[in-house]
Amino acid sequence: ALSQAKVKRIIPASPHYIFNFCMNLVITDSGLGGLSVCAQLMCFLKEIKGSGNSANPADGLKISYINAVPANDRGYNSMSRKAEQIAVFEKILRNTKKTIKPNYIFVACGTLSVLLKDMQFKRDNNSLIEGILPLGFKLLLDSLQQNSQATALIFGTPTTISANTFQDELSQQGIEQSRIITQACPELATQISNDPEGSFVAERIRYWVQQALSQLAADNSGPLHVFLGCTHYAYRESLFRKSFIQEGYSQISILNPNLAAANSLGKIVLQNQGLEKSHATGISLEFLTPYAIPQQEVITLSQLLKPVSVETAEAFQNARISPELLAE
């Protein structure tokens, strides 16, 4: 549970507040990219609150962000087998359900969303958990259906790209393979987390943009729809756009599923408005991780999060180390 000090940073001290939470929302990721979704959700809820409503539509909301990586040097893309990835994520989800008792779990991660269809936890808790993949796919499909001349350039982690999820789903919906270009970007998520200045990341993003563009047909003159298939990439959306401009492609559309995810979560929160207002608590936000986040990542991501949501940055900086997430 949050310490009283942490709660006071988010909720004004008042004898009228009762610290009982009406909705427990878990956002999880194979790392820290999903914090971007969390920050956008907080921004969305603040906009709703400031739109003239007398009551906070998110009263009673407790958000727990779960860093679902077992150790700093053991990420999912470094695991040798899919079975190992599933086993680790299953364990963390079971422990999350046991300790937090969430009403809803959102997997803000392309890599882990790909695994959900093969997981027993998803089969046992189908209405409890959902991934970002369906939202991203709808965003991508709608954009391609609205412009039959457009080509999609999909950037993602090696796990996401090698699973062929987007390619297969789009083909089943009648999108020609020639309109789909995928580009795996090994280590880019980690590099984004460790480069506060962004100069090295800018070089790497331009390299991957060049690799993707090299796959375009020589006679391709249609619009390009650039899909950011890893939640980390949204932190540096501007660098993706800049790289395309540097390569001579100024008329591109950036498809950011993080925004779609935040809007979807916002609607879920609003659907839970029928709560006891006498128990209103505002919003509580905490960050849980099995290990201490390296200082360089804390510096970098806090810097990227603060312009969107100070509350998300503060929760991240005040991480609660939770080894119980890995309990057998």
C-alpha atoms as a PDB file:
ATOM      1  CA  ALA A   1       0.000   0.000   0.000  1.00  0.00           C
ATOM      2  CA  LEU A   2       1.048   3.589  -0.483  1.00  0.00           C
ATOM      3  CA  SER A   3       2.643   5.322   2.454  1.00  0.00           C
ATOM      4  CA  GLN A   4       0.667   8.221   3.931  1.00  0.00           C
ATOM      5  CA  ALA A   5       3.362  10.591   2.628  1.00  0.00           C
ATOM      6  CA  LYS A   6       2.946   9.364  -0.939  1.00  0.00           C
ATOM      7  CA  VAL A   7      -0.822   9.605  -0.765  1.00  0.00           C
ATOM      8  CA  LYS A   8      -0.625  13.214   0.390  1.00  0.00           C
ATOM      9  CA  ARG A   9       1.372  14.171  -2.685  1.00  0.00           C
ATOM     10  CA  ILE A  10      -1.551  13.109  -4.856  1.00  0.00           C
ATOM     11  CA  ILE A  11      -4.545  13.684  -2.580  1.00  0.00           C
ATOM     12  CA  PRO A  12      -4.964  16.860  -0.502  1.00  0.00           C
ATOM     13  CA  ALA A  13      -4.915  16.151   3.217  1.00  0.00           C
ATOM     14  CA  SER A  14      -8.465  16.347   4.542  1.00  0.00           C
ATOM     15  CA  PRO A  15     -10.490  14.595   7.242  1.00  0.00           C
ATOM     16  CA  HIS A  16     -13.216  14.017   4.645  1.00  0.00           C
ATOM     17  CA  TYR A  17     -11.072  11.613   2.627  1.00  0.00           C
ATOM     18  CA  ILE A  18     -11.422   7.922   3.406  1.00  0.00           C
ATOM     19  CA  PHE A  19      -8.577   5.886   1.981  1.00  0.00           C
ATOM     20  CA  ASN A  20     -10.657   3.102   0.481  1.00  0.00           C
ATOM     21  CA  PHE A  21     -10.165   2.623  -3.254  1.00  0.00           C
ATOM     22  CA  CYS A  22     -13.118   1.755  -5.473  1.00  0.00           C
ATOM     23  CA  MET A  23     -11.241   0.616  -8.565  1.00  0.00           C
ATOM     24  CA  ASN A  24      -7.854  -1.058  -8.776  1.00  0.00           C
ATOM     25  CA  LEU A  25      -6.275  -0.695 -12.198  1.00  0.00           C
ATOM     26  CA  VAL A  26      -2.997  -2.423 -13.020  1.00  0.00           C
ATOM     27  CA  ILE A  27      -0.859  -1.298 -15.949  1.00  0.00           C
ATOM     28  CA  THR A  28       2.083  -3.540 -16.713  1.00  0.00           C
ATOM     29  CA  ASP A  29       4.890  -3.741 -19.245  1.00  0.00           C
ATOM     30  CA  SER A  30       8.088  -5.656 -19.884  1.00  0.00           C
ATOM     31  CA  GLY A  31       9.899  -2.604 -18.605  1.00  0.00           C
ATOM     32  CA  LEU A  32       9.139   1.089 -18.463  1.00  0.00           C
ATOM     33  CA  GLY A  33       7.604   2.028 -21.801  1.00  0.00           C
ATOM     34  CA  GLY A  34       4.108   1.554 -20.416  1.00  0.00           C
ATOM     35  CA  LEU A  35       4.713   4.474 -18.070  1.00  0.00           C
ATOM     36  CA  SER A  36       4.059   6.577 -21.162  1.00  0.00           C
ATOM     37  CA  VAL A  37       0.539   5.098 -21.309  1.00  0.00           C
ATOM     38  CA  CYS A  38       0.111   5.756 -17.596  1.00  0.00           C
ATOM     39  CA  ALA A  39       1.196   9.368 -18.009  1.00  0.00           C
ATOM     40  CA  GLN A  40      -1.186   9.899 -20.939  1.00  0.00           C
ATOM     41  CA  LEU A  41      -4.028   8.370 -18.897  1.00  0.00           C
ATOM     42  CA  MET A  42      -3.339  10.779 -16.022  1.00  0.00           C
ATOM     43  CA  CYS A  43      -3.322  13.651 -18.508  1.00  0.00           C
ATOM     44  CA  PHE A  44      -6.635  12.442 -19.992  1.00  0.00           C
ATOM     45  CA  LEU A  45      -8.290  12.217 -16.548  1.00  0.00           C
ATOM     46  CA  LYS A  46      -7.069  15.696 -15.605  1.00  0.00           C
ATOM     47  CA  GLU A  47      -8.587  17.096 -18.800  1.00  0.00           C
ATOM     48  CA  ILE A  48     -11.927  15.455 -17.990  1.00  0.00           C
ATOM     49  CA  LYS A  49     -11.820  16.832 -14.444  1.00  0.00           C
ATOM     50  CA  GLY A  50     -11.047  20.309 -15.760  1.00  0.00           C
ATOM     51  CA  SER A  51     -13.846  20.257 -18.325  1.00  0.00           C
ATOM     52  CA  GLY A  52     -16.398  21.632 -15.863  1.00  0.00           C
ATOM     53  CA  ASN A  53     -17.548  18.464 -14.130  1.00  0.00           C
ATOM     54  CA  SER A  54     -18.203  19.066 -10.448  1.00  0.00           C
ATOM     55  CA  ALA A  55     -16.937  15.640  -9.429  1.00  0.00           C
ATOM     56  CA  ASN A  56     -13.680  13.984 -10.315  1.00  0.00           C
ATOM     57  CA  PRO A  57     -14.629  11.147 -12.706  1.00  0.00           C
ATOM     58  CA  ALA A  58     -11.650   9.165 -11.432  1.00  0.00           C
ATOM     59  CA  ASP A  59     -12.504   9.361  -7.738  1.00  0.00           C
ATOM     60  CA  GLY A  60     -11.575   6.101  -6.071  1.00  0.00           C
ATOM     61  CA  LEU A  61      -9.064   5.051  -8.726  1.00  0.00           C
ATOM     62  CA  LYS A  62      -5.911   3.287  -7.635  1.00  0.00           C
ATOM     63  CA  ILE A  63      -3.349   2.698 -10.384  1.00  0.00           C
ATOM     64  CA  SER A  64      -0.532   0.220  -9.791  1.00  0.00           C
ATOM     65  CA  TYR A  65       2.157   0.136 -12.446  1.00  0.00           C
ATOM     66  CA  ILE A  66       3.957  -3.217 -12.454  1.00  0.00           C
ATOM     67  CA  ASN A  67       7.412  -3.471 -13.985  1.00  0.00           C
ATOM     68  CA  ALA A  68       7.125  -7.084 -15.164  1.00  0.00           C
ATOM     69  CA  VAL A  69      10.834  -7.627 -15.775  1.00  0.00           C
ATOM     70  CA  PRO A  70      12.418 -10.129 -13.335  1.00  0.00           C
ATOM     71  CA  ALA A  71      15.852  -8.446 -13.187  1.00  0.00           C
ATOM     72  CA  ASN A  72      17.728  -5.529 -14.693  1.00  0.00           C
ATOM     73  CA  ASP A  73      19.885  -7.897 -16.781  1.00  0.00           C
ATOM     74  CA  ARG A  74      17.125 -10.332 -17.730  1.00  0.00           C
ATOM     75  CA  GLY A  75      14.546  -8.883 -20.109  1.00  0.00           C
ATOM     76  CA  TYR A  76      12.082 -10.853 -22.225  1.00  0.00           C
ATOM     77  CA  ASN A  77      13.910 -10.252 -25.479  1.00  0.00           C
ATOM     78  CA  SER A  78      17.033 -11.828 -23.954  1.00  0.00           C
ATOM     79  CA  MET A  79      15.210 -14.998 -22.901  1.00  0.00           C
ATOM     80  CA  SER A  80      16.039 -17.972 -25.097  1.00  0.00           C
ATOM     81  CA  ARG A  81      12.599 -19.518 -25.431  1.00  0.00           C
ATOM     82  CA  LYS A  82       8.979 -18.417 -25.657  1.00  0.00           C
ATOM     83  CA  ALA A  83       8.108 -20.925 -22.925  1.00  0.00           C
ATOM     84  CA  GLU A  84      10.446 -19.113 -20.549  1.00  0.00           C
ATOM     85  CA  GLN A  85       8.900 -15.742 -21.386  1.00  0.00           C
ATOM     86  CA  ILE A  86       5.413 -17.093 -20.694  1.00  0.00           C
ATOM     87  CA  ALA A  87       6.438 -18.758 -17.430  1.00  0.00           C
ATOM     88  CA  VAL A  88       7.980 -15.552 -16.061  1.00  0.00           C
ATOM     89  CA  PHE A  89       5.067 -13.336 -17.050  1.00  0.00           C
ATOM     90  CA  GLU A  90       2.507 -15.864 -15.732  1.00  0.00           C
ATOM     91  CA  LYS A  91       4.254 -15.834 -12.357  1.00  0.00           C
ATOM     92  CA  ILE A  92       4.224 -12.045 -12.114  1.00  0.00           C
ATOM     93  CA  LEU A  93       0.567 -11.858 -13.145  1.00  0.00           C
ATOM     94  CA  ARG A  94      -0.488 -14.482 -10.587  1.00  0.00           C
ATOM     95  CA  ASN A  95       1.338 -12.627  -7.823  1.00  0.00           C
ATOM     96  CA  THR A  96      -0.096  -9.305  -8.977  1.00  0.00           C
ATOM     97  CA  LYS A  97      -3.632 -10.693  -8.840  1.00  0.00           C
ATOM     98  CA  LYS A  98      -2.989 -12.161  -5.384  1.00  0.00           C
ATOM     99  CA  THR A  99      -1.442  -9.081  -3.778  1.00  0.00           C
ATOM    100  CA  ILE A 100      -3.247  -6.190  -5.509  1.00  0.00           C
ATOM    101  CA  LYS A 101      -6.603  -7.802  -6.409  1.00  0.00           C
ATOM    102  CA  PRO A 102      -7.084  -5.630  -9.493  1.00  0.00           C
ATOM    103  CA  ASN A 103     -10.386  -5.016 -11.245  1.00  0.00           C
ATOM    104  CA  TYR A 104      -8.575  -4.772 -14.562  1.00  0.00           C
ATOM    105  CA  ILE A 105      -5.064  -5.483 -15.866  1.00  0.00           C
ATOM    106  CA  PHE A 106      -3.836  -3.686 -18.965  1.00  0.00           C
ATOM    107  CA  VAL A 107      -0.698  -5.000 -20.657  1.00  0.00           C
ATOM    108  CA  ALA A 108       0.871  -1.853 -22.116  1.00  0.00           C
ATOM    109  CA  CYS A 109       3.476  -3.802 -24.044  1.00  0.00           C
ATOM    110  CA  GLY A 110       3.597  -5.229 -27.554  1.00  0.00           C
ATOM    111  CA  THR A 111       6.067  -7.942 -26.562  1.00  0.00           C
ATOM    112  CA  LEU A 112       3.931  -9.249 -23.693  1.00  0.00           C
ATOM    113  CA  SER A 113       0.635  -8.752 -25.547  1.00  0.00           C
ATOM    114  CA  VAL A 114       1.884 -11.179 -28.178  1.00  0.00           C
ATOM    115  CA  LEU A 115       2.276 -13.807 -25.442  1.00  0.00           C
ATOM    116  CA  LEU A 116      -1.224 -13.439 -23.982  1.00  0.00           C
ATOM    117  CA  LYS A 117      -2.958 -15.711 -26.487  1.00  0.00           C
ATOM    118  CA  ASP A 118      -0.795 -18.637 -25.350  1.00  0.00           C
ATOM    119  CA  MET A 119      -1.086 -18.004 -21.611  1.00  0.00           C
ATOM    120  CA  GLN A 120      -3.197 -19.945 -19.134  1.00  0.00           C
ATOM    121  CA  PHE A 121      -3.637 -16.802 -17.033  1.00  0.00           C
ATOM    122  CA  LYS A 122      -5.432 -15.131 -19.946  1.00  0.00           C
ATOM    123  CA  ARG A 123      -7.687 -18.157 -20.436  1.00  0.00           C
ATOM    124  CA  ASP A 124      -8.543 -18.235 -16.716  1.00  0.00           C
ATOM    125  CA  ASN A 125      -9.023 -14.460 -16.421  1.00  0.00           C
ATOM    126  CA  ASN A 126     -10.210 -13.428 -19.861  1.00  0.00           C
ATOM    127  CA  SER A 127     -12.356 -10.488 -18.737  1.00  0.00           C
ATOM    128  CA  LEU A 128      -9.727  -9.280 -16.253  1.00  0.00           C
ATOM    129  CA  ILE A 129      -6.789  -8.753 -18.614  1.00  0.00           C
ATOM    130  CA  GLU A 130      -6.265  -7.214 -22.033  1.00  0.00           C
ATOM    131  CA  GLY A 131      -3.250  -6.137 -24.048  1.00  0.00           C
ATOM    132  CA  ILE A 132      -2.388  -3.136 -26.160  1.00  0.00           C
ATOM    133  CA  LEU A 133      -2.121  -5.256 -29.308  1.00  0.00           C
ATOM    134  CA  PRO A 134      -5.829  -5.147 -30.337  1.00  0.00           C
ATOM    135  CA  LEU A 135      -5.906  -1.370 -29.907  1.00  0.00           C
ATOM    136  CA  GLY A 136      -2.736  -0.961 -31.935  1.00  0.00           C
ATOM    137  CA  PHE A 137      -4.010  -3.285 -34.626  1.00  0.00           C
ATOM    138  CA  LYS A 138      -7.286  -1.354 -34.948  1.00  0.00           C
ATOM    139  CA  LEU A 139      -5.375   1.920 -35.206  1.00  0.00           C
ATOM    140  CA  LEU A 140      -3.185   0.457 -37.930  1.00  0.00           C
ATOM    141  CA  LEU A 141      -5.988  -1.236 -39.857  1.00  0.00           C
ATOM    142  CA  ASP A 142      -8.230   1.834 -39.805  1.00  0.00           C
ATOM    143  CA  SER A 143      -5.428   4.006 -41.168  1.00  0.00           C
ATOM    144  CA  LEU A 144      -4.710   1.606 -44.047  1.00  0.00           C
ATOM    145  CA  GLN A 145      -8.373   1.140 -44.913  1.00  0.00           C
ATOM    146  CA  GLN A 146      -8.946   4.885 -44.994  1.00  0.00           C
ATOM    147  CA  ASN A 147      -6.146   5.344 -47.545  1.00  0.00           C
ATOM    148  CA  SER A 148      -5.720   2.517 -50.023  1.00  0.00           C
ATOM    149  CA  GLN A 149      -2.429   3.997 -51.283  1.00  0.00           C
ATOM    150  CA  ALA A 150      -0.740   4.095 -47.893  1.00  0.00           C
ATOM    151  CA  THR A 151       2.090   1.816 -46.774  1.00  0.00           C
ATOM    152  CA  ALA A 152       2.575   0.888 -43.120  1.00  0.00           C
ATOM    153  CA  LEU A 153       6.052   0.908 -41.620  1.00  0.00           C
ATOM    154  CA  ILE A 154       5.841  -1.041 -38.365  1.00  0.00           C
ATOM    155  CA  PHE A 155       8.666  -0.586 -35.849  1.00  0.00           C
ATOM    156  CA  GLY A 156       8.869  -2.980 -32.912  1.00  0.00           C
ATOM    157  CA  THR A 157      10.983  -5.246 -30.730  1.00  0.00           C
ATOM    158  CA  PRO A 158      12.397  -8.460 -32.236  1.00  0.00           C
ATOM    159  CA  THR A 159       9.784 -10.512 -30.329  1.00  0.00           C
ATOM    160  CA  THR A 160       6.884  -8.443 -31.654  1.00  0.00           C
ATOM    161  CA  ILE A 161       8.127  -8.424 -35.235  1.00  0.00           C
ATOM    162  CA  SER A 162       9.134 -12.100 -35.393  1.00  0.00           C
ATOM    163  CA  ALA A 163       5.691 -13.171 -34.150  1.00  0.00           C
ATOM    164  CA  ASN A 164       4.214 -11.837 -37.442  1.00  0.00           C
ATOM    165  CA  THR A 165       1.129 -10.783 -35.516  1.00  0.00           C
ATOM    166  CA  PHE A 166       0.501  -7.534 -37.374  1.00  0.00           C
ATOM    167  CA  GLN A 167       1.382  -8.962 -40.770  1.00  0.00           C
ATOM    168  CA  ASP A 168      -0.923 -11.961 -40.376  1.00  0.00           C
ATOM    169  CA  GLU A 169      -3.845  -9.982 -38.962  1.00  0.00           C
ATOM    170  CA  LEU A 170      -3.624  -7.291 -41.626  1.00  0.00           C
ATOM    171  CA  SER A 171      -3.448  -9.893 -44.393  1.00  0.00           C
ATOM    172  CA  GLN A 172      -6.558 -11.582 -43.021  1.00  0.00           C
ATOM    173  CA  GLN A 173      -8.323  -8.216 -43.282  1.00  0.00           C
ATOM    174  CA  GLY A 174      -7.402  -7.896 -46.948  1.00  0.00           C
ATOM    175  CA  ILE A 175      -4.343  -5.643 -46.695  1.00  0.00           C
ATOM    176  CA  GLU A 176      -1.768  -6.600 -49.342  1.00  0.00           C
ATOM    177  CA  GLN A 177       1.607  -7.752 -48.047  1.00  0.00           C
ATOM    178  CA  SER A 178       3.280  -5.159 -50.267  1.00  0.00           C
ATOM    179  CA  ARG A 179       1.700  -2.446 -48.094  1.00  0.00           C
ATOM    180  CA  ILE A 180       3.246  -3.812 -44.887  1.00  0.00           C
ATOM    181  CA  ILE A 181       6.878  -3.235 -43.938  1.00  0.00           C
ATOM    182  CA  THR A 182       8.176  -4.368 -40.566  1.00  0.00           C
ATOM    183  CA  GLN A 183      11.388  -3.329 -38.865  1.00  0.00           C
ATOM    184  CA  ALA A 184      12.764  -4.902 -35.697  1.00  0.00           C
ATOM    185  CA  CYS A 185      14.839  -2.501 -33.595  1.00  0.00           C
ATOM    186  CA  PRO A 186      16.998  -4.575 -31.207  1.00  0.00           C
ATOM    187  CA  GLU A 187      17.968  -2.784 -27.973  1.00  0.00           C
ATOM    188  CA  LEU A 188      16.261   0.471 -28.960  1.00  0.00           C
ATOM    189  CA  ALA A 189      13.912   0.427 -25.952  1.00  0.00           C
ATOM    190  CA  THR A 190      16.847   0.048 -23.556  1.00  0.00           C
ATOM    191  CA  GLN A 191      18.770   2.767 -25.369  1.00  0.00           C
ATOM    192  CA  ILE A 192      15.821   5.167 -25.064  1.00  0.00           C
ATOM    193  CA  SER A 193      15.740   4.545 -21.298  1.00  0.00           C
ATOM    194  CA  ASN A 194      19.417   5.367 -20.868  1.00  0.00           C
ATOM    195  CA  ASP A 195      19.966   8.427 -23.036  1.00  0.00           C
ATOM    196  CA  PRO A 196      18.613  11.592 -21.378  1.00  0.00           C
ATOM    197  CA  GLU A 197      20.097  13.852 -24.041  1.00  0.00           C
ATOM    198  CA  GLY A 198      18.733  11.723 -26.871  1.00  0.00           C
ATOM    199  CA  SER A 199      21.702  12.181 -29.230  1.00  0.00           C
ATOM    200  CA  PHE A 200      22.686   8.502 -29.372  1.00  0.00           C
ATOM    201  CA  VAL A 201      19.045   7.429 -29.635  1.00  0.00           C
ATOM    202  CA  ALA A 202      18.551   9.889 -32.497  1.00  0.00           C
ATOM    203  CA  GLU A 203      21.344   8.131 -34.415  1.00  0.00           C
ATOM    204  CA  ARG A 204      19.881   4.690 -33.739  1.00  0.00           C
ATOM    205  CA  ILE A 205      16.366   5.720 -34.722  1.00  0.00           C
ATOM    206  CA  ARG A 206      17.636   7.214 -37.968  1.00  0.00           C
ATOM    207  CA  TYR A 207      19.489   3.972 -38.692  1.00  0.00           C
ATOM    208  CA  TRP A 208      16.331   1.875 -38.194  1.00  0.00           C
ATOM    209  CA  VAL A 209      14.293   4.345 -40.265  1.00  0.00           C
ATOM    210  CA  GLN A 210      16.833   3.964 -43.077  1.00  0.00           C
ATOM    211  CA  GLN A 211      16.572   0.164 -42.817  1.00  0.00           C
ATOM    212  CA  ALA A 212      12.789   0.321 -43.053  1.00  0.00           C
ATOM    213  CA  LEU A 213      12.827   2.736 -45.992  1.00  0.00           C
ATOM    214  CA  SER A 214      15.255   0.485 -47.851  1.00  0.00           C
ATOM    215  CA  GLN A 215      12.432  -2.078 -48.035  1.00  0.00           C
ATOM    216  CA  LEU A 216      10.116   0.300 -49.916  1.00  0.00           C
ATOM    217  CA  ALA A 217       9.464  -0.491 -53.557  1.00  0.00           C
ATOM    218  CA  ALA A 218      11.353   1.846 -55.876  1.00  0.00           C
ATOM    219  CA  ASP A 219       8.111   3.145 -57.395  1.00  0.00           C
ATOM    220  CA  ASN A 220       6.342   3.705 -54.078  1.00  0.00           C
ATOM    221  CA  SER A 221       4.982   7.254 -53.990  1.00  0.00           C
ATOM    222  CA  GLY A 222       2.079   6.795 -51.601  1.00  0.00           C
ATOM    223  CA  PRO A 223       1.798   8.113 -48.045  1.00  0.00           C
ATOM    224  CA  LEU A 224       3.653   6.402 -45.218  1.00  0.00           C
ATOM    225  CA  HIS A 225       1.979   5.489 -41.948  1.00  0.00           C
ATOM    226  CA  VAL A 226       4.606   4.953 -39.262  1.00  0.00           C
ATOM    227  CA  PHE A 227       3.438   2.638 -36.478  1.00  0.00           C
ATOM    228  CA  LEU A 228       5.306   2.743 -33.151  1.00  0.00           C
ATOM    229  CA  GLY A 229       4.930  -0.889 -32.079  1.00  0.00           C
ATOM    230  CA  CYS A 230       6.811  -0.626 -28.772  1.00  0.00           C
ATOM    231  CA  THR A 231       5.555   1.586 -25.946  1.00  0.00           C
ATOM    232  CA  HIS A 232       9.089   2.930 -25.411  1.00  0.00           C
ATOM    233  CA  TYR A 233       9.187   4.419 -28.896  1.00  0.00           C
ATOM    234  CA  ALA A 234       6.468   6.945 -28.045  1.00  0.00           C
ATOM    235  CA  TYR A 235       8.916   8.720 -25.725  1.00  0.00           C
ATOM    236  CA  ARG A 236      10.905   9.657 -28.818  1.00  0.00           C
ATOM    237  CA  GLU A 237       8.129  10.112 -31.365  1.00  0.00           C
ATOM    238  CA  SER A 238       9.637  13.447 -32.391  1.00  0.00           C
ATOM    239  CA  LEU A 239      12.945  11.767 -33.261  1.00  0.00           C
ATOM    240  CA  PHE A 240      11.155   9.286 -35.520  1.00  0.00           C
ATOM    241  CA  ARG A 241       9.474  12.159 -37.314  1.00  0.00           C
ATOM    242  CA  LYS A 242      12.756  14.063 -37.593  1.00  0.00           C
ATOM    243  CA  SER A 243      14.515  11.000 -39.038  1.00  0.00           C
ATOM    244  CA  PHE A 244      11.925  10.634 -41.788  1.00  0.00           C
ATOM    245  CA  ILE A 245      12.227  14.327 -42.620  1.00  0.00           C
ATOM    246  CA  GLN A 246      16.008  13.928 -42.837  1.00  0.00           C
ATOM    247  CA  GLU A 247      15.476  11.096 -45.308  1.00  0.00           C
ATOM    248  CA  GLY A 248      13.217  13.269 -47.447  1.00  0.00           C
ATOM    249  CA  TYR A 249       9.829  12.040 -46.189  1.00  0.00           C
ATOM    250  CA  SER A 250       8.033  14.968 -44.572  1.00  0.00           C
ATOM    251  CA  GLN A 251       4.461  13.829 -45.277  1.00  0.00           C
ATOM    252  CA  ILE A 252       4.126  10.927 -42.872  1.00  0.00           C
ATOM    253  CA  SER A 253       1.536   9.928 -40.298  1.00  0.00           C
ATOM    254  CA  ILE A 254       2.758   8.703 -36.918  1.00  0.00           C
ATOM    255  CA  LEU A 255       0.476   6.079 -35.356  1.00  0.00           C
ATOM    256  CA  ASN A 256       0.983   6.042 -31.587  1.00  0.00           C
ATOM    257  CA  PRO A 257      -0.964   3.216 -29.872  1.00  0.00           C
ATOM    258  CA  ASN A 258      -0.016   4.632 -26.448  1.00  0.00           C
ATOM    259  CA  LEU A 259      -2.522   7.433 -26.968  1.00  0.00           C
ATOM    260  CA  ALA A 260      -5.204   4.980 -28.086  1.00  0.00           C
ATOM    261  CA  ALA A 261      -4.499   2.872 -24.999  1.00  0.00           C
ATOM    262  CA  ALA A 262      -4.760   5.841 -22.638  1.00  0.00           C
ATOM    263  CA  ASN A 263      -8.082   6.890 -24.172  1.00  0.00           C
ATOM    264  CA  SER A 264      -9.411   3.331 -23.884  1.00  0.00           C
ATOM    265  CA  LEU A 265      -8.364   3.088 -20.227  1.00  0.00           C
ATOM    266  CA  GLY A 266      -9.910   6.480 -19.568  1.00  0.00           C
ATOM    267  CA  LYS A 267     -13.265   5.220 -20.859  1.00  0.00           C
ATOM    268  CA  ILE A 268     -12.998   2.136 -18.639  1.00  0.00           C
ATOM    269  CA  VAL A 269     -12.415   4.382 -15.631  1.00  0.00           C
ATOM    270  CA  LEU A 270     -15.401   6.562 -16.546  1.00  0.00           C
ATOM    271  CA  GLN A 271     -17.584   3.464 -16.791  1.00  0.00           C
ATOM    272  CA  ASN A 272     -16.812   2.848 -13.116  1.00  0.00           C
ATOM    273  CA  GLN A 273     -18.284   6.194 -12.038  1.00  0.00           C
ATOM    274  CA  GLY A 274     -21.189   4.589 -10.219  1.00  0.00           C
ATOM    275  CA  LEU A 275     -19.131   4.484  -7.037  1.00  0.00           C
ATOM    276  CA  GLU A 276     -19.814   5.706  -3.514  1.00  0.00           C
ATOM    277  CA  LYS A 277     -18.801   9.373  -3.683  1.00  0.00           C
ATOM    278  CA  SER A 278     -18.572   9.595   0.118  1.00  0.00           C
ATOM    279  CA  HIS A 279     -15.530   7.367  -0.251  1.00  0.00           C
ATOM    280  CA  ALA A 280     -13.944   9.603  -2.854  1.00  0.00           C
ATOM    281  CA  THR A 281     -10.161   9.562  -2.705  1.00  0.00           C
ATOM    282  CA  GLY A 282      -8.976  11.093  -5.935  1.00  0.00           C
ATOM    283  CA  ILE A 283      -6.300   9.084  -7.736  1.00  0.00           C
ATOM    284  CA  SER A 284      -3.569   7.011  -6.150  1.00  0.00           C
ATOM    285  CA  LEU A 285      -0.621   6.002  -8.296  1.00  0.00           C
ATOM    286  CA  GLU A 286       2.219   3.664  -7.352  1.00  0.00           C
ATOM    287  CA  PHE A 287       5.110   2.018  -9.179  1.00  0.00           C
ATOM    288  CA  LEU A 288       6.141  -1.528  -8.235  1.00  0.00           C
ATOM    289  CA  THR A 289       9.228  -3.327  -9.483  1.00  0.00           C
ATOM    290  CA  PRO A 290      11.060  -6.548  -8.510  1.00  0.00           C
ATOM    291  CA  TYR A 291      14.406  -4.723  -8.525  1.00  0.00           C
ATOM    292  CA  ALA A 292      15.800  -1.222  -8.079  1.00  0.00           C
ATOM    293  CA  ILE A 293      15.715   0.735 -11.329  1.00  0.00           C
ATOM    294  CA  PRO A 294      19.218   1.925 -12.350  1.00  0.00           C
ATOM    295  CA  GLN A 295      19.722   5.619 -11.692  1.00  0.00           C
ATOM    296  CA  GLN A 296      20.386   6.499 -15.330  1.00  0.00           C
ATOM    297  CA  GLU A 297      16.970   5.146 -16.318  1.00  0.00           C
ATOM    298  CA  VAL A 298      15.314   7.015 -13.468  1.00  0.00           C
ATOM    299  CA  ILE A 299      16.910  10.271 -14.637  1.00  0.00           C
ATOM    300  CA  THR A 300      16.073   9.730 -18.312  1.00  0.00           C
ATOM    301  CA  LEU A 301      12.472   8.594 -17.993  1.00  0.00           C
ATOM    302  CA  SER A 302      11.588  11.093 -15.260  1.00  0.00           C
ATOM    303  CA  GLN A 303      12.749  13.798 -17.641  1.00  0.00           C
ATOM    304  CA  LEU A 304      10.527  12.376 -20.407  1.00  0.00           C
ATOM    305  CA  LEU A 305       7.493  11.786 -18.185  1.00  0.00           C
ATOM    306  CA  LYS A 306       7.305  15.094 -16.303  1.00  0.00           C
ATOM    307  CA  PRO A 307       6.035  17.225 -19.216  1.00  0.00           C
ATOM    308  CA  VAL A 308       3.071  14.839 -19.565  1.00  0.00           C
ATOM    309  CA  SER A 309       2.373  13.831 -15.946  1.00  0.00           C
ATOM    310  CA  VAL A 310       4.287  14.971 -12.897  1.00  0.00           C
ATOM    311  CA  GLU A 311       2.377  12.414 -10.807  1.00  0.00           C
ATOM    312  CA  THR A 312       3.613   9.531 -12.965  1.00  0.00           C
ATOM    313  CA  ALA A 313       7.193  10.775 -12.765  1.00  0.00           C
ATOM    314  CA  GLU A 314       6.955  11.069  -8.971  1.00  0.00           C
ATOM    315  CA  ALA A 315       5.493   7.574  -8.573  1.00  0.00           C
ATOM    316  CA  PHE A 316       8.336   6.232 -10.709  1.00  0.00           C
ATOM    317  CA  GLN A 317      10.942   8.075  -8.641  1.00  0.00           C
ATOM    318  CA  ASN A 318       9.406   6.661  -5.437  1.00  0.00           C
ATOM    319  CA  ALA A 319       9.414   3.054  -6.638  1.00  0.00           C
ATOM    320  CA  ARG A 320       8.370   0.311  -4.247  1.00  0.00           C
ATOM    321  CA  ILE A 321      10.718  -2.673  -4.528  1.00  0.00           C
ATOM    322  CA  SER A 322       8.452  -5.742  -4.597  1.00  0.00           C
ATOM    323  CA  PRO A 323      10.324  -9.074  -4.679  1.00  0.00           C
ATOM    324  CA  GLU A 324       6.993 -10.770  -3.914  1.00  0.00           C
ATOM    325  CA  LEU A 325       6.128 -10.328  -7.606  1.00  0.00           C
ATOM    326  CA  LEU A 326       8.547 -13.194  -8.302  1.00  0.00           C
ATOM    327  CA  ALA A 327       7.353 -15.506  -5.523  1.00  0.00           C
ATOM    328  CA  GLU A 328       6.928 -19.147  -6.544  1.00  0.00           C
END
